[in-house]
Amino acid sequence: MTNTALDVNRLTTGVMLNPEQSNEIWTESVKQSALTQLATRVNLPGNGVKWQTLNAPNAAEWVGETAEKPVVDPSFGSKTMIPYKLAQIITVSEEFTRDAANLWNAVQAQASEAIAQAIDKTFLAGTIPLPGADGVDTLADAQTVSVKNGKYVDFVKIATTVLNNNGDLNGIAITNKGLSKFLSAVDENGRPLMVPGVGSTELGSAFGARMIKSPWGYKEAVAASGSGASAVQAAPEVLGVAGDWTQAYYGTVQGIRIKMTDTATVKKGATTINLWQRNMIAFLVETEVGFIVRDKSKFVVITGDNAA
């Protein structure tokens, strides 16, 4: 990661990041989001892009010389990836800009984490709703497998559920508590289920699927599953999402965009903040992200205990 400082001397409404700065934030977001590490990135135009889909192919058949060739009638469909905007305003004191390098590092860290959390919470856990986006693809409503009891057979069911739907279990997006469950799981011979990764940056693998830690929290997934104390009490913990990630795609439009100003007025809930009056600076961070899943049956939501 380079140490690119923001040009605070040119501070005015509408100043944008240069491509290098934008790429730094997006690179850090990708490193923190499990979805962007597991799914395939594609180019996404501003008006969305449509994919044609068809059912699983039949095997070709052997034929004799001059014999008629077999004919199949695949069923076709389509899915459209539509970009949705993520945005956040970050405010800092004007005194903070005296050290431009540290200011940039702080803004970059905050923006990267905010974007990564929003992507995973929306498309994996389903805890951040998309306004006016009925029917948007998420993996939150995929079939569930509970590892509440911590038994080997429960973990095996994660793999067999994906495999029985002709999926390739190649990745698991896991929360901190989900990782704890896997670390303590053993097979019927007492051997650890999870194979440690090589190096400090790799979590490891289970059933041959690489495990990527996600910044979304299981408690938030529980709380979002219903309204009222009884609904929260009954909802299971969401520990992770496992499946065939060749079926999942995401895209962005123009990467990360940031505007910064010291003259605007911003609202935080019922509070209105005049930046100029308070000697403050605001950074508007925004990006557009889309996500689709070709076959949701090849994914499993891993759940645990009910919320306490």
C-alpha atoms as a PDB file:
ATOM      1  CA  MET A   1       0.000   0.000   0.000  1.00  0.00           C
ATOM      2  CA  THR A   2       1.450   3.352  -0.984  1.00  0.00           C
ATOM      3  CA  ASN A   3       1.286   6.416   1.211  1.00  0.00           C
ATOM      4  CA  THR A   4      -0.555   8.824  -1.080  1.00  0.00           C
ATOM      5  CA  ALA A   5      -1.598  11.993   0.765  1.00  0.00           C
ATOM      6  CA  LEU A   6      -4.700  14.011   0.016  1.00  0.00           C
ATOM      7  CA  ASP A   7      -4.085  17.532  -1.305  1.00  0.00           C
ATOM      8  CA  VAL A   8      -5.793  19.381   1.548  1.00  0.00           C
ATOM      9  CA  ASN A   9      -4.503  22.739   0.280  1.00  0.00           C
ATOM     10  CA  ARG A  10      -6.918  22.409  -2.662  1.00  0.00           C
ATOM     11  CA  LEU A  11      -9.817  21.628  -0.377  1.00  0.00           C
ATOM     12  CA  THR A  12     -13.132  22.621  -1.951  1.00  0.00           C
ATOM     13  CA  THR A  13     -16.435  21.017  -2.761  1.00  0.00           C
ATOM     14  CA  GLY A  14     -16.051  18.528  -5.592  1.00  0.00           C
ATOM     15  CA  VAL A  15     -12.345  17.683  -5.399  1.00  0.00           C
ATOM     16  CA  MET A  16     -12.050  14.054  -6.495  1.00  0.00           C
ATOM     17  CA  LEU A  17      -9.493  11.344  -5.817  1.00  0.00           C
ATOM     18  CA  ASN A  18      -6.996  10.570  -8.530  1.00  0.00           C
ATOM     19  CA  PRO A  19      -7.092   6.994  -9.966  1.00  0.00           C
ATOM     20  CA  GLU A  20      -4.185   5.830  -7.787  1.00  0.00           C
ATOM     21  CA  GLN A  21      -5.902   6.917  -4.567  1.00  0.00           C
ATOM     22  CA  SER A  22      -9.218   5.388  -5.632  1.00  0.00           C
ATOM     23  CA  ASN A  23      -7.514   2.106  -6.465  1.00  0.00           C
ATOM     24  CA  GLU A  24      -5.814   2.005  -3.047  1.00  0.00           C
ATOM     25  CA  ILE A  25      -9.168   2.166  -1.242  1.00  0.00           C
ATOM     26  CA  TRP A  26     -10.761  -0.437  -3.506  1.00  0.00           C
ATOM     27  CA  THR A  27      -7.761  -2.766  -3.133  1.00  0.00           C
ATOM     28  CA  GLU A  28      -8.036  -2.584   0.655  1.00  0.00           C
ATOM     29  CA  SER A  29     -11.812  -3.173   0.477  1.00  0.00           C
ATOM     30  CA  VAL A  30     -11.294  -6.290  -1.619  1.00  0.00           C
ATOM     31  CA  LYS A  31      -8.790  -7.596   0.937  1.00  0.00           C
ATOM     32  CA  GLN A  32     -11.374  -7.245   3.734  1.00  0.00           C
ATOM     33  CA  SER A  33     -14.542  -8.426   1.964  1.00  0.00           C
ATOM     34  CA  ALA A  34     -15.011 -12.186   1.748  1.00  0.00           C
ATOM     35  CA  LEU A  35     -17.403 -11.848  -1.178  1.00  0.00           C
ATOM     36  CA  THR A  36     -14.976  -9.912  -3.370  1.00  0.00           C
ATOM     37  CA  GLN A  37     -12.243 -12.456  -2.643  1.00  0.00           C
ATOM     38  CA  LEU A  38     -14.420 -15.467  -3.470  1.00  0.00           C
ATOM     39  CA  ALA A  39     -16.733 -14.309  -6.269  1.00  0.00           C
ATOM     40  CA  THR A  40     -15.606 -13.443  -9.804  1.00  0.00           C
ATOM     41  CA  ARG A  41     -15.231  -9.773 -10.681  1.00  0.00           C
ATOM     42  CA  VAL A  42     -16.719  -8.614 -14.000  1.00  0.00           C
ATOM     43  CA  ASN A  43     -17.012  -5.303 -15.807  1.00  0.00           C
ATOM     44  CA  LEU A  44     -20.249  -3.552 -14.886  1.00  0.00           C
ATOM     45  CA  PRO A  45     -21.594  -0.701 -17.022  1.00  0.00           C
ATOM     46  CA  GLY A  46     -23.682   1.984 -15.372  1.00  0.00           C
ATOM     47  CA  ASN A  47     -26.973   0.610 -16.722  1.00  0.00           C
ATOM     48  CA  GLY A  48     -26.237  -2.985 -15.647  1.00  0.00           C
ATOM     49  CA  VAL A  49     -25.411  -6.088 -17.653  1.00  0.00           C
ATOM     50  CA  LYS A  50     -27.469  -9.191 -18.514  1.00  0.00           C
ATOM     51  CA  TRP A  51     -26.187 -12.763 -18.420  1.00  0.00           C
ATOM     52  CA  GLN A  52     -27.771 -15.573 -20.381  1.00  0.00           C
ATOM     53  CA  THR A  53     -27.992 -18.812 -18.398  1.00  0.00           C
ATOM     54  CA  LEU A  54     -28.850 -22.380 -19.353  1.00  0.00           C
ATOM     55  CA  ASN A  55     -29.295 -25.640 -17.513  1.00  0.00           C
ATOM     56  CA  ALA A  56     -26.476 -28.062 -16.758  1.00  0.00           C
ATOM     57  CA  PRO A  57     -25.068 -29.610 -19.953  1.00  0.00           C
ATOM     58  CA  ASN A  58     -25.720 -33.229 -20.869  1.00  0.00           C
ATOM     59  CA  ALA A  59     -22.729 -35.394 -21.721  1.00  0.00           C
ATOM     60  CA  ALA A  60     -22.065 -35.860 -25.428  1.00  0.00           C
ATOM     61  CA  GLU A  61     -22.773 -39.307 -26.835  1.00  0.00           C
ATOM     62  CA  TRP A  62     -20.721 -41.643 -28.983  1.00  0.00           C
ATOM     63  CA  VAL A  63     -22.196 -42.200 -32.437  1.00  0.00           C
ATOM     64  CA  GLY A  64     -21.453 -44.539 -35.256  1.00  0.00           C
ATOM     65  CA  GLU A  65     -20.392 -43.512 -38.738  1.00  0.00           C
ATOM     66  CA  THR A  66     -23.302 -41.871 -40.645  1.00  0.00           C
ATOM     67  CA  ALA A  67     -25.534 -42.281 -37.539  1.00  0.00           C
ATOM     68  CA  GLU A  68     -27.852 -39.469 -36.400  1.00  0.00           C
ATOM     69  CA  LYS A  69     -26.379 -37.136 -33.824  1.00  0.00           C
ATOM     70  CA  PRO A  70     -28.166 -36.712 -30.466  1.00  0.00           C
ATOM     71  CA  VAL A  71     -30.124 -33.513 -29.883  1.00  0.00           C
ATOM     72  CA  VAL A  72     -30.649 -31.757 -26.542  1.00  0.00           C
ATOM     73  CA  ASP A  73     -33.042 -28.932 -25.724  1.00  0.00           C
ATOM     74  CA  PRO A  74     -31.463 -26.834 -22.943  1.00  0.00           C
ATOM     75  CA  SER A  75     -33.603 -24.385 -21.017  1.00  0.00           C
ATOM     76  CA  PHE A  76     -32.428 -20.792 -21.156  1.00  0.00           C
ATOM     77  CA  GLY A  77     -32.812 -17.914 -18.716  1.00  0.00           C
ATOM     78  CA  SER A  78     -31.185 -14.622 -17.872  1.00  0.00           C
ATOM     79  CA  LYS A  79     -30.067 -12.568 -14.908  1.00  0.00           C
ATOM     80  CA  THR A  80     -29.268  -8.886 -14.815  1.00  0.00           C
ATOM     81  CA  MET A  81     -26.574  -7.407 -12.590  1.00  0.00           C
ATOM     82  CA  ILE A  82     -27.674  -3.921 -11.585  1.00  0.00           C
ATOM     83  CA  PRO A  83     -25.309  -1.491  -9.837  1.00  0.00           C
ATOM     84  CA  TYR A  84     -26.425  -0.101  -6.467  1.00  0.00           C
ATOM     85  CA  LYS A  85     -24.755   2.845  -4.797  1.00  0.00           C
ATOM     86  CA  LEU A  86     -22.913   2.589  -1.462  1.00  0.00           C
ATOM     87  CA  ALA A  87     -22.140   5.863   0.279  1.00  0.00           C
ATOM     88  CA  GLN A  88     -20.798   7.233   3.556  1.00  0.00           C
ATOM     89  CA  ILE A  89     -19.714  10.674   4.802  1.00  0.00           C
ATOM     90  CA  ILE A  90     -16.630  10.768   7.035  1.00  0.00           C
ATOM     91  CA  THR A  91     -16.016  13.939   9.068  1.00  0.00           C
ATOM     92  CA  VAL A  92     -12.711  14.980  10.688  1.00  0.00           C
ATOM     93  CA  SER A  93     -11.401  18.102  12.415  1.00  0.00           C
ATOM     94  CA  GLU A  94      -9.441  20.630  10.365  1.00  0.00           C
ATOM     95  CA  GLU A  95      -6.505  20.170  12.759  1.00  0.00           C
ATOM     96  CA  PHE A  96      -6.320  16.562  11.611  1.00  0.00           C
ATOM     97  CA  THR A  97      -5.285  17.747   8.127  1.00  0.00           C
ATOM     98  CA  ARG A  98      -1.977  19.117   9.395  1.00  0.00           C
ATOM     99  CA  ASP A  99      -0.533  15.654   8.895  1.00  0.00           C
ATOM    100  CA  ALA A 100      -1.758  14.920   5.379  1.00  0.00           C
ATOM    101  CA  ALA A 101      -0.204  11.449   5.187  1.00  0.00           C
ATOM    102  CA  ASN A 102      -1.888  10.258   8.383  1.00  0.00           C
ATOM    103  CA  LEU A 103      -5.144  11.857   7.250  1.00  0.00           C
ATOM    104  CA  TRP A 104      -5.053   9.868   4.032  1.00  0.00           C
ATOM    105  CA  ASN A 105      -4.262   6.634   5.853  1.00  0.00           C
ATOM    106  CA  ALA A 106      -7.156   7.205   8.272  1.00  0.00           C
ATOM    107  CA  VAL A 107      -9.659   8.027   5.527  1.00  0.00           C
ATOM    108  CA  GLN A 108      -8.485   5.086   3.451  1.00  0.00           C
ATOM    109  CA  ALA A 109      -8.833   2.656   6.360  1.00  0.00           C
ATOM    110  CA  GLN A 110     -12.282   3.939   7.299  1.00  0.00           C
ATOM    111  CA  ALA A 111     -13.573   3.936   3.714  1.00  0.00           C
ATOM    112  CA  SER A 112     -12.150   0.505   2.898  1.00  0.00           C
ATOM    113  CA  GLU A 113     -13.656  -1.159   5.958  1.00  0.00           C
ATOM    114  CA  ALA A 114     -17.017   0.577   5.480  1.00  0.00           C
ATOM    115  CA  ILE A 115     -17.299  -0.617   1.872  1.00  0.00           C
ATOM    116  CA  ALA A 116     -16.168  -4.172   2.669  1.00  0.00           C
ATOM    117  CA  GLN A 117     -18.649  -4.487   5.534  1.00  0.00           C
ATOM    118  CA  ALA A 118     -21.509  -3.114   3.452  1.00  0.00           C
ATOM    119  CA  ILE A 119     -20.834  -5.531   0.575  1.00  0.00           C
ATOM    120  CA  ASP A 120     -20.731  -8.609   2.814  1.00  0.00           C
ATOM    121  CA  LYS A 121     -23.594  -7.535   5.056  1.00  0.00           C
ATOM    122  CA  THR A 122     -25.786  -6.895   2.024  1.00  0.00           C
ATOM    123  CA  PHE A 123     -25.035  -9.738  -0.355  1.00  0.00           C
ATOM    124  CA  LEU A 124     -23.954 -12.464   2.105  1.00  0.00           C
ATOM    125  CA  ALA A 125     -25.820 -11.808   5.342  1.00  0.00           C
ATOM    126  CA  GLY A 126     -28.712  -9.755   3.965  1.00  0.00           C
ATOM    127  CA  THR A 127     -28.575  -7.334   6.912  1.00  0.00           C
ATOM    128  CA  ILE A 128     -28.355  -4.078   4.927  1.00  0.00           C
ATOM    129  CA  PRO A 129     -31.421  -3.621   2.708  1.00  0.00           C
ATOM    130  CA  LEU A 130     -31.131  -2.071  -0.744  1.00  0.00           C
ATOM    131  CA  PRO A 131     -33.741   0.690  -1.194  1.00  0.00           C
ATOM    132  CA  GLY A 132     -36.088  -0.102  -4.061  1.00  0.00           C
ATOM    133  CA  ALA A 133     -34.202  -3.267  -4.963  1.00  0.00           C
ATOM    134  CA  ASP A 134     -36.864  -5.952  -4.774  1.00  0.00           C
ATOM    135  CA  GLY A 135     -35.573  -9.324  -5.891  1.00  0.00           C
ATOM    136  CA  VAL A 136     -31.899  -8.380  -5.693  1.00  0.00           C
ATOM    137  CA  ASP A 137     -29.587 -11.382  -5.467  1.00  0.00           C
ATOM    138  CA  THR A 138     -28.234 -12.213  -2.018  1.00  0.00           C
ATOM    139  CA  LEU A 139     -27.108 -15.478  -0.468  1.00  0.00           C
ATOM    140  CA  ALA A 140     -28.935 -14.806   2.800  1.00  0.00           C
ATOM    141  CA  ASP A 141     -31.899 -16.956   1.752  1.00  0.00           C
ATOM    142  CA  ALA A 142     -29.889 -19.949   0.527  1.00  0.00           C
ATOM    143  CA  GLN A 143     -30.527 -23.300   2.232  1.00  0.00           C
ATOM    144  CA  THR A 144     -29.199 -23.531   5.777  1.00  0.00           C
ATOM    145  CA  VAL A 145     -27.103 -26.087   7.623  1.00  0.00           C
ATOM    146  CA  SER A 146     -26.741 -25.845  11.401  1.00  0.00           C
ATOM    147  CA  VAL A 147     -23.483 -26.661  13.174  1.00  0.00           C
ATOM    148  CA  LYS A 148     -25.041 -25.860  16.548  1.00  0.00           C
ATOM    149  CA  ASN A 149     -24.032 -29.200  18.066  1.00  0.00           C
ATOM    150  CA  GLY A 150     -20.481 -29.051  16.690  1.00  0.00           C
ATOM    151  CA  LYS A 151     -20.597 -32.640  15.474  1.00  0.00           C
ATOM    152  CA  TYR A 152     -18.589 -33.844  12.503  1.00  0.00           C
ATOM    153  CA  VAL A 153     -21.726 -34.980  10.692  1.00  0.00           C
ATOM    154  CA  ASP A 154     -23.085 -31.433  10.869  1.00  0.00           C
ATOM    155  CA  PHE A 155     -20.009 -30.018   9.153  1.00  0.00           C
ATOM    156  CA  VAL A 156     -20.067 -32.807   6.568  1.00  0.00           C
ATOM    157  CA  LYS A 157     -23.600 -31.778   5.659  1.00  0.00           C
ATOM    158  CA  ILE A 158     -22.265 -28.392   4.536  1.00  0.00           C
ATOM    159  CA  ALA A 159     -20.171 -30.124   1.902  1.00  0.00           C
ATOM    160  CA  THR A 160     -22.704 -32.771   0.890  1.00  0.00           C
ATOM    161  CA  THR A 161     -25.490 -30.216   0.468  1.00  0.00           C
ATOM    162  CA  VAL A 162     -23.393 -28.309  -2.063  1.00  0.00           C
ATOM    163  CA  LEU A 163     -22.087 -31.450  -3.766  1.00  0.00           C
ATOM    164  CA  ASN A 164     -25.529 -33.058  -4.059  1.00  0.00           C
ATOM    165  CA  ASN A 165     -26.634 -30.000  -6.026  1.00  0.00           C
ATOM    166  CA  ASN A 166     -23.753 -30.520  -8.493  1.00  0.00           C
ATOM    167  CA  GLY A 167     -21.760 -27.699  -6.933  1.00  0.00           C
ATOM    168  CA  ASP A 168     -18.041 -27.523  -6.227  1.00  0.00           C
ATOM    169  CA  LEU A 169     -17.409 -26.552  -2.605  1.00  0.00           C
ATOM    170  CA  ASN A 170     -14.509 -24.183  -3.200  1.00  0.00           C
ATOM    171  CA  GLY A 171     -14.945 -21.384  -0.669  1.00  0.00           C
ATOM    172  CA  ILE A 172     -16.352 -20.482   2.750  1.00  0.00           C
ATOM    173  CA  ALA A 173     -16.982 -16.901   3.902  1.00  0.00           C
ATOM    174  CA  ILE A 174     -16.759 -17.138   7.673  1.00  0.00           C
ATOM    175  CA  THR A 175     -17.360 -14.834  10.650  1.00  0.00           C
ATOM    176  CA  ASN A 176     -15.182 -14.784  13.759  1.00  0.00           C
ATOM    177  CA  LYS A 177     -17.549 -17.051  15.680  1.00  0.00           C
ATOM    178  CA  GLY A 178     -17.908 -19.332  12.685  1.00  0.00           C
ATOM    179  CA  LEU A 179     -14.139 -19.641  12.515  1.00  0.00           C
ATOM    180  CA  SER A 180     -14.123 -20.577  16.208  1.00  0.00           C
ATOM    181  CA  LYS A 181     -16.574 -23.406  15.467  1.00  0.00           C
ATOM    182  CA  PHE A 182     -14.411 -24.781  12.674  1.00  0.00           C
ATOM    183  CA  LEU A 183     -11.206 -24.518  14.714  1.00  0.00           C
ATOM    184  CA  SER A 184     -12.715 -26.671  17.478  1.00  0.00           C
ATOM    185  CA  ALA A 185     -14.315 -29.226  15.121  1.00  0.00           C
ATOM    186  CA  VAL A 186     -12.751 -32.678  14.721  1.00  0.00           C
ATOM    187  CA  ASP A 187     -13.586 -35.690  12.591  1.00  0.00           C
ATOM    188  CA  GLU A 188     -14.620 -39.091  13.941  1.00  0.00           C
ATOM    189  CA  ASN A 189     -10.971 -39.965  14.589  1.00  0.00           C
ATOM    190  CA  GLY A 190     -10.309 -36.808  16.580  1.00  0.00           C
ATOM    191  CA  ARG A 191      -8.362 -35.074  13.813  1.00  0.00           C
ATOM    192  CA  PRO A 192      -8.916 -31.332  13.248  1.00  0.00           C
ATOM    193  CA  LEU A 193     -11.422 -30.604  10.526  1.00  0.00           C
ATOM    194  CA  MET A 194      -9.781 -27.359   9.495  1.00  0.00           C
ATOM    195  CA  VAL A 195      -6.417 -27.477   7.748  1.00  0.00           C
ATOM    196  CA  PRO A 196      -4.281 -24.451   8.736  1.00  0.00           C
ATOM    197  CA  GLY A 197      -3.241 -22.117   5.956  1.00  0.00           C
ATOM    198  CA  VAL A 198       0.311 -21.515   4.790  1.00  0.00           C
ATOM    199  CA  GLY A 199       1.522 -18.096   5.913  1.00  0.00           C
ATOM    200  CA  SER A 200      -0.001 -15.497   8.193  1.00  0.00           C
ATOM    201  CA  THR A 201      -2.578 -14.217   5.704  1.00  0.00           C
ATOM    202  CA  GLU A 202      -4.401 -17.507   5.016  1.00  0.00           C
ATOM    203  CA  LEU A 203      -6.978 -18.882   7.432  1.00  0.00           C
ATOM    204  CA  GLY A 204      -6.902 -22.396   6.046  1.00  0.00           C
ATOM    205  CA  SER A 205      -9.374 -24.766   4.429  1.00  0.00           C
ATOM    206  CA  ALA A 206     -12.111 -27.253   5.259  1.00  0.00           C
ATOM    207  CA  PHE A 207     -13.149 -30.076   2.907  1.00  0.00           C
ATOM    208  CA  GLY A 208     -10.746 -28.529   0.391  1.00  0.00           C
ATOM    209  CA  ALA A 209     -12.577 -25.175   0.406  1.00  0.00           C
ATOM    210  CA  ARG A 210     -10.523 -22.122   1.296  1.00  0.00           C
ATOM    211  CA  MET A 211     -11.840 -20.062   4.190  1.00  0.00           C
ATOM    212  CA  ILE A 212     -12.020 -16.271   4.047  1.00  0.00           C
ATOM    213  CA  LYS A 213     -12.889 -14.207   7.113  1.00  0.00           C
ATOM    214  CA  SER A 214     -15.719 -11.735   6.600  1.00  0.00           C
ATOM    215  CA  PRO A 215     -16.113  -8.416   8.463  1.00  0.00           C
ATOM    216  CA  TRP A 216     -19.883  -8.795   8.887  1.00  0.00           C
ATOM    217  CA  GLY A 217     -21.015  -9.721  12.412  1.00  0.00           C
ATOM    218  CA  TYR A 218     -23.284 -12.664  13.205  1.00  0.00           C
ATOM    219  CA  LYS A 219     -25.188 -10.676  15.844  1.00  0.00           C
ATOM    220  CA  GLU A 220     -26.255  -8.175  13.199  1.00  0.00           C
ATOM    221  CA  ALA A 221     -27.471 -10.990  10.967  1.00  0.00           C
ATOM    222  CA  VAL A 222     -29.535 -12.340  13.870  1.00  0.00           C
ATOM    223  CA  ALA A 223     -31.052  -8.973  14.742  1.00  0.00           C
ATOM    224  CA  ALA A 224     -32.019  -8.273  11.139  1.00  0.00           C
ATOM    225  CA  SER A 225     -33.938 -11.501  10.712  1.00  0.00           C
ATOM    226  CA  GLY A 226     -37.079 -10.269  12.444  1.00  0.00           C
ATOM    227  CA  SER A 227     -38.610  -7.501  14.503  1.00  0.00           C
ATOM    228  CA  GLY A 228     -39.184  -7.656  18.230  1.00  0.00           C
ATOM    229  CA  ALA A 229     -37.419  -9.573  20.990  1.00  0.00           C
ATOM    230  CA  SER A 230     -39.086 -12.898  20.219  1.00  0.00           C
ATOM    231  CA  ALA A 231     -37.974 -12.825  16.587  1.00  0.00           C
ATOM    232  CA  VAL A 232     -34.395 -12.026  17.567  1.00  0.00           C
ATOM    233  CA  GLN A 233     -34.437 -14.763  20.193  1.00  0.00           C
ATOM    234  CA  ALA A 234     -35.609 -17.379  17.695  1.00  0.00           C
ATOM    235  CA  ALA A 235     -33.223 -16.460  14.891  1.00  0.00           C
ATOM    236  CA  PRO A 236     -30.107 -18.636  14.511  1.00  0.00           C
ATOM    237  CA  GLU A 237     -26.636 -17.175  14.421  1.00  0.00           C
ATOM    238  CA  VAL A 238     -25.337 -16.783  10.887  1.00  0.00           C
ATOM    239  CA  LEU A 239     -21.764 -18.062  10.970  1.00  0.00           C
ATOM    240  CA  GLY A 240     -20.875 -18.091   7.296  1.00  0.00           C
ATOM    241  CA  VAL A 241     -21.735 -18.916   3.695  1.00  0.00           C
ATOM    242  CA  ALA A 242     -20.210 -21.874   1.846  1.00  0.00           C
ATOM    243  CA  GLY A 243     -20.607 -22.931  -1.744  1.00  0.00           C
ATOM    244  CA  ASP A 244     -19.553 -22.946  -5.362  1.00  0.00           C
ATOM    245  CA  TRP A 245     -18.259 -19.435  -5.951  1.00  0.00           C
ATOM    246  CA  THR A 246     -17.907 -19.955  -9.690  1.00  0.00           C
ATOM    247  CA  GLN A 247     -21.663 -19.258  -9.612  1.00  0.00           C
ATOM    248  CA  ALA A 248     -21.266 -15.793  -8.029  1.00  0.00           C
ATOM    249  CA  TYR A 249     -20.247 -12.563  -9.763  1.00  0.00           C
ATOM    250  CA  TYR A 250     -19.807  -8.971  -8.660  1.00  0.00           C
ATOM    251  CA  GLY A 251     -18.962  -5.782 -10.487  1.00  0.00           C
ATOM    252  CA  THR A 252     -18.273  -2.114  -9.793  1.00  0.00           C
ATOM    253  CA  VAL A 253     -18.829   1.064 -11.778  1.00  0.00           C
ATOM    254  CA  GLN A 254     -15.817   3.412 -11.873  1.00  0.00           C
ATOM    255  CA  GLY A 255     -14.339   2.088  -8.625  1.00  0.00           C
ATOM    256  CA  ILE A 256     -14.265   4.324  -5.534  1.00  0.00           C
ATOM    257  CA  ARG A 257     -15.140   8.027  -5.687  1.00  0.00           C
ATOM    258  CA  ILE A 258     -14.420  10.544  -2.916  1.00  0.00           C
ATOM    259  CA  LYS A 259     -15.351  14.216  -2.715  1.00  0.00           C
ATOM    260  CA  MET A 260     -14.104  16.410   0.110  1.00  0.00           C
ATOM    261  CA  THR A 261     -15.277  19.800   1.358  1.00  0.00           C
ATOM    262  CA  ASP A 262     -15.067  22.182   4.311  1.00  0.00           C
ATOM    263  CA  THR A 263     -18.063  24.349   3.348  1.00  0.00           C
ATOM    264  CA  ALA A 264     -21.035  21.973   3.274  1.00  0.00           C
ATOM    265  CA  THR A 265     -23.663  21.273   5.905  1.00  0.00           C
ATOM    266  CA  VAL A 266     -24.210  17.608   6.739  1.00  0.00           C
ATOM    267  CA  LYS A 267     -26.882  15.813   8.725  1.00  0.00           C
ATOM    268  CA  LYS A 268     -26.268  12.945  11.136  1.00  0.00           C
ATOM    269  CA  GLY A 269     -29.649  11.746  12.263  1.00  0.00           C
ATOM    270  CA  ALA A 270     -31.406  14.761  13.749  1.00  0.00           C
ATOM    271  CA  THR A 271     -28.133  16.693  14.133  1.00  0.00           C
ATOM    272  CA  THR A 272     -27.042  19.250  11.533  1.00  0.00           C
ATOM    273  CA  ILE A 273     -23.320  20.032  11.320  1.00  0.00           C
ATOM    274  CA  ASN A 274     -22.026  23.170   9.605  1.00  0.00           C
ATOM    275  CA  LEU A 275     -18.473  22.208   8.614  1.00  0.00           C
ATOM    276  CA  TRP A 276     -17.163  25.740   8.089  1.00  0.00           C
ATOM    277  CA  GLN A 277     -18.516  26.890  11.447  1.00  0.00           C
ATOM    278  CA  ARG A 278     -16.897  23.983  13.269  1.00  0.00           C
ATOM    279  CA  ASN A 279     -13.562  23.913  11.379  1.00  0.00           C
ATOM    280  CA  MET A 280     -14.318  20.432  10.062  1.00  0.00           C
ATOM    281  CA  ILE A 281     -13.803  18.563   6.799  1.00  0.00           C
ATOM    282  CA  ALA A 282     -16.127  15.966   5.288  1.00  0.00           C
ATOM    283  CA  PHE A 283     -15.262  13.177   2.867  1.00  0.00           C
ATOM    284  CA  LEU A 284     -18.078  11.688   0.776  1.00  0.00           C
ATOM    285  CA  VAL A 285     -17.156   8.105  -0.136  1.00  0.00           C
ATOM    286  CA  GLU A 286     -19.257   6.313  -2.735  1.00  0.00           C
ATOM    287  CA  THR A 287     -19.151   3.442  -5.172  1.00  0.00           C
ATOM    288  CA  GLU A 288     -21.601   1.374  -7.210  1.00  0.00           C
ATOM    289  CA  VAL A 289     -21.627  -2.407  -6.779  1.00  0.00           C
ATOM    290  CA  GLY A 290     -23.704  -5.201  -8.310  1.00  0.00           C
ATOM    291  CA  PHE A 291     -23.970  -8.910  -7.474  1.00  0.00           C
ATOM    292  CA  ILE A 292     -25.663 -11.945  -9.025  1.00  0.00           C
ATOM    293  CA  VAL A 293     -25.771 -15.669  -8.314  1.00  0.00           C
ATOM    294  CA  ARG A 294     -26.408 -18.041 -11.199  1.00  0.00           C
ATOM    295  CA  ASP A 295     -27.482 -21.011  -9.076  1.00  0.00           C
ATOM    296  CA  LYS A 296     -28.272 -20.354  -5.416  1.00  0.00           C
ATOM    297  CA  SER A 297     -28.870 -24.070  -4.728  1.00  0.00           C
ATOM    298  CA  LYS A 298     -25.092 -24.532  -4.776  1.00  0.00           C
ATOM    299  CA  PHE A 299     -24.669 -22.419  -1.617  1.00  0.00           C
ATOM    300  CA  VAL A 300     -25.271 -23.045   2.073  1.00  0.00           C
ATOM    301  CA  VAL A 301     -25.809 -20.582   4.920  1.00  0.00           C
ATOM    302  CA  ILE A 302     -24.026 -21.957   8.006  1.00  0.00           C
ATOM    303  CA  THR A 303     -25.934 -21.301  11.212  1.00  0.00           C
ATOM    304  CA  GLY A 304     -25.246 -21.903  14.908  1.00  0.00           C
ATOM    305  CA  ASP A 305     -27.040 -21.413  18.203  1.00  0.00           C
ATOM    306  CA  ASN A 306     -30.103 -19.255  18.642  1.00  0.00           C
ATOM    307  CA  ALA A 307     -29.406 -15.771  19.924  1.00  0.00           C
ATOM    308  CA  ALA A 308     -29.169 -15.541  23.670  1.00  0.00           C
END
